[in-house]
Protein backbone atom coordinates (compact mmCIF):
# COMPACT_ATOMS: atom_id res chain seq x y z
CA MET A 1 -79.21 58.61 -43.53
CA SER A 2 -75.59 59.70 -43.33
CA ASP A 3 -73.23 60.96 -46.03
CA LEU A 4 -71.05 58.01 -45.01
CA ASP A 5 -73.61 55.23 -45.60
CA PHE A 6 -71.68 54.17 -48.70
CA ILE A 7 -68.91 52.88 -46.40
CA LYS A 8 -69.89 49.35 -45.44
CA ASP A 9 -67.01 48.92 -42.97
CA LYS A 10 -68.80 49.94 -39.75
CA GLU A 11 -65.59 50.64 -37.82
CA LEU A 12 -64.20 52.91 -40.54
CA ARG A 13 -67.55 54.66 -40.92
CA LYS A 14 -67.66 55.33 -37.15
CA THR A 15 -64.05 56.58 -37.13
CA LEU A 16 -64.76 58.92 -40.04
CA ASP A 17 -68.02 60.10 -38.49
CA ASP A 18 -66.27 60.87 -35.19
CA SER A 19 -63.41 62.61 -36.99
CA ILE A 20 -65.76 64.77 -39.03
CA GLU A 21 -67.57 65.71 -35.83
CA TYR A 22 -64.20 66.65 -34.29
CA ILE A 23 -63.31 68.71 -37.39
CA TYR A 24 -66.58 70.60 -37.02
CA ALA A 25 -65.96 71.21 -33.29
CA LEU A 26 -62.45 72.51 -34.02
CA PHE A 27 -63.76 74.72 -36.80
CA GLU A 28 -66.38 76.24 -34.50
CA GLN A 29 -63.76 76.72 -31.76
CA SER A 30 -61.42 78.43 -34.24
CA LYS A 31 -63.99 81.19 -34.71
CA ASP A 32 -63.32 82.43 -31.16
CA GLY A 33 -61.91 85.89 -31.75
CA GLY A 34 -60.02 85.89 -28.45
CA GLN A 35 -57.46 83.31 -29.58
CA LYS A 36 -53.87 84.17 -30.41
CA LYS A 37 -53.21 84.11 -34.16
CA SER A 38 -50.59 81.36 -33.78
CA TYR A 39 -53.06 79.19 -31.82
CA GLN A 40 -55.72 79.74 -34.47
CA GLU A 41 -53.30 78.83 -37.26
CA GLU A 42 -52.33 75.59 -35.50
CA THR A 43 -56.02 74.77 -35.08
CA TYR A 44 -56.48 75.30 -38.82
CA ARG A 45 -53.49 73.04 -39.47
CA VAL A 46 -55.07 70.28 -37.34
CA ILE A 47 -58.35 70.65 -39.24
CA ILE A 48 -56.52 70.22 -42.55
CA LEU A 49 -54.64 67.22 -41.14
CA TYR A 50 -57.95 65.58 -40.28
CA VAL A 51 -59.64 66.55 -43.56
CA VAL A 52 -56.86 65.11 -45.72
CA SER A 53 -56.69 61.99 -43.55
CA ALA A 54 -60.45 61.51 -44.01
CA ILE A 55 -60.15 61.91 -47.79
CA GLU A 56 -57.25 59.45 -47.81
CA ALA A 57 -59.32 56.94 -45.81
CA VAL A 58 -62.22 57.21 -48.30
CA LEU A 59 -59.87 56.71 -51.26
CA LEU A 60 -58.19 53.74 -49.55
CA TYR A 61 -61.60 52.22 -48.80
CA PHE A 62 -62.55 52.37 -52.49
CA TYR A 63 -59.13 51.13 -53.56
CA LYS A 64 -59.56 48.05 -51.38
CA ALA A 65 -63.20 47.60 -52.45
CA ARG A 66 -62.17 47.59 -56.12
CA GLY A 67 -59.80 44.70 -55.51
CA GLU A 68 -57.19 46.14 -57.83
CA LYS A 69 -53.56 46.49 -56.87
CA ILE A 70 -50.92 49.17 -57.16
CA GLU A 71 -47.65 47.66 -58.27
CA TYR A 72 -44.09 48.89 -58.55
CA PRO A 73 -41.00 47.43 -60.23
CA GLU A 74 -38.61 45.60 -57.95
CA TYR A 75 -35.20 44.49 -59.14
CA LYS A 76 -33.95 41.07 -58.06
CA PHE A 77 -30.79 39.11 -58.65
CA VAL A 78 -28.81 42.29 -59.35
CA CYS A 79 -25.38 41.55 -60.82
CA THR A 80 -22.68 44.13 -61.46
CA LEU A 81 -21.01 43.88 -64.85
CA PRO A 82 -17.24 44.12 -65.24
CA PRO A 83 -15.86 47.72 -65.28
CA GLU A 84 -15.30 47.73 -69.05
CA TYR A 85 -19.09 47.95 -69.48
CA THR A 86 -20.14 51.56 -69.12
CA HIS A 87 -23.02 53.82 -70.01
CA ALA A 88 -22.24 56.93 -72.06
CA ALA A 89 -24.25 59.21 -69.76
CA LYS A 90 -22.75 57.77 -66.55
CA PRO A 91 -19.31 56.33 -67.41
CA LYS A 92 -18.13 56.26 -63.76
CA SER A 93 -21.21 54.39 -62.50
CA PRO A 94 -21.25 50.60 -62.54
CA MET A 95 -23.51 48.81 -65.01
CA VAL A 96 -25.79 46.10 -63.68
CA ILE A 97 -28.22 43.54 -64.95
CA ALA A 98 -31.20 42.39 -62.96
CA VAL A 99 -34.57 40.73 -63.14
CA GLN A 100 -37.41 43.24 -62.96
CA GLU A 101 -40.57 42.03 -61.31
CA GLN A 102 -43.83 43.87 -60.69
CA VAL A 103 -44.60 43.65 -56.97
CA GLU A 104 -47.84 44.60 -55.27
CA LYS A 105 -47.56 47.45 -52.79
CA ARG A 106 -48.68 46.43 -49.32
CA GLU A 107 -51.61 48.43 -48.00
CA GLN A 108 -49.46 50.31 -45.48
CA GLN A 109 -47.18 51.41 -48.35
CA VAL A 110 -50.06 52.95 -50.29
CA GLY A 111 -50.31 56.64 -49.50
CA ILE A 112 -52.39 59.50 -50.76
CA HIS A 113 -50.10 60.20 -53.74
CA GLU A 114 -50.43 56.61 -54.97
CA LEU A 115 -54.19 56.60 -54.39
CA VAL A 116 -54.71 59.87 -56.27
CA ALA A 117 -52.52 58.68 -59.16
CA PHE A 118 -54.36 55.34 -59.23
CA PHE A 119 -57.84 56.90 -59.39
CA LYS A 120 -56.67 59.55 -61.82
CA SER A 121 -55.22 56.87 -64.14
CA LYS A 122 -58.59 55.08 -64.02
CA LYS A 123 -60.27 58.41 -64.84
CA LEU A 124 -62.30 58.17 -61.64
CA ILE A 125 -61.32 61.58 -60.29
CA LEU A 126 -60.93 64.80 -62.19
CA ASP A 127 -57.51 66.38 -62.66
CA LYS A 128 -58.62 69.42 -60.65
CA THR A 129 -59.81 67.27 -57.74
CA ALA A 130 -56.55 65.32 -57.81
CA LYS A 131 -54.55 68.57 -57.78
CA ASP A 132 -56.66 69.99 -54.94
CA ILE A 133 -56.19 66.85 -52.83
CA LEU A 134 -52.42 66.86 -53.36
CA ASP A 135 -52.22 70.61 -52.65
CA MET A 136 -54.05 70.08 -49.34
CA ASN A 137 -51.76 67.17 -48.59
CA ASP A 138 -48.79 69.53 -48.98
CA VAL A 139 -50.36 71.73 -46.31
CA ARG A 140 -50.97 68.65 -44.14
CA ASN A 141 -47.30 67.78 -44.41
CA THR A 142 -46.37 71.11 -42.80
CA PHE A 143 -47.78 69.68 -39.58
CA HIS A 144 -44.45 67.90 -39.14
CA PHE A 145 -42.37 70.10 -36.88
CA ASN A 146 -39.23 69.70 -38.96
CA LYS A 147 -40.91 70.82 -42.20
CA GLN A 148 -40.87 74.42 -43.33
CA ARG A 149 -44.23 76.14 -43.00
CA ALA A 150 -44.04 78.31 -46.09
CA GLN A 151 -47.76 78.07 -46.76
CA ALA A 152 -50.06 80.07 -44.53
CA CYS A 153 -52.81 78.09 -42.90
CA ASP A 154 -55.76 80.47 -42.78
CA LEU A 155 -59.55 80.38 -42.73
CA GLN A 156 -59.74 80.50 -46.53
CA ARG A 157 -57.54 77.40 -46.86
CA VAL A 158 -59.57 75.58 -44.19
CA GLU A 159 -62.82 76.41 -45.96
CA LYS A 160 -61.34 75.10 -49.21
CA ALA A 161 -60.30 71.89 -47.43
CA LEU A 162 -63.77 71.45 -45.97
CA GLN A 163 -65.33 71.98 -49.42
CA LEU A 164 -62.97 69.33 -50.80
CA LEU A 165 -64.04 66.89 -48.08
CA VAL A 166 -67.73 67.52 -48.82
CA HIS A 167 -67.04 67.14 -52.56
CA THR A 168 -65.26 63.82 -51.91
CA LEU A 169 -68.01 62.46 -49.69
CA LYS A 170 -70.78 63.50 -52.11
CA ASN A 171 -69.14 62.53 -55.40
CA ALA A 172 -66.72 59.70 -54.70
CA PRO A 173 -69.39 57.07 -54.05
CA LYS A 174 -71.18 57.82 -57.34
CA ALA A 175 -68.00 58.07 -59.38
CA LEU A 176 -66.22 55.10 -57.89
CA GLU A 177 -68.95 52.57 -57.11
CA LYS A 178 -70.37 52.60 -60.62
CA LYS A 179 -66.99 51.71 -62.05
CA LEU A 180 -66.12 48.76 -59.86
CA PRO A 181 -64.59 45.92 -61.86
CA GLN A 182 -67.01 43.15 -62.82
CA GLN A 183 -66.91 40.19 -60.43
CA HIS A 184 -66.69 36.81 -62.21
């Protein structure tokens, strides 16, 4: 019995299982005291990248399983009003009228911020868990070479990330499955 048995999508479960195994291997390798500090820090960064990606995959899996949709307002048929129409706060900006329509976000547009906000709004994850996930995501984003690496990536942060992954895998199924919308 695996901690991932709650994931019915066999391909996703295998990908997550392999990724978690890789995370563990990297973590064990990072303990080698003979490594340069910069190499060790990059290894920690990769571990966090994988951990946050795994958490995101679990959240996306439940989002899709729930069958609910994240929507955003899209403005169509935008028309600019004549220049004599102005707004007091922005008198030099043009005024427009438009039709606002709620549009479903496509799956590839749904990222970790939207997923966390979605589950938080449904009261399916605690505020602290949401904050921890987003904080780890900020560290993950420092993996991009053009982003500033202001946050240190050390053993303590990696251990916190691993605890967050374990917490997600242990608690998400209970918290999220029991609150699936009723099927008619």
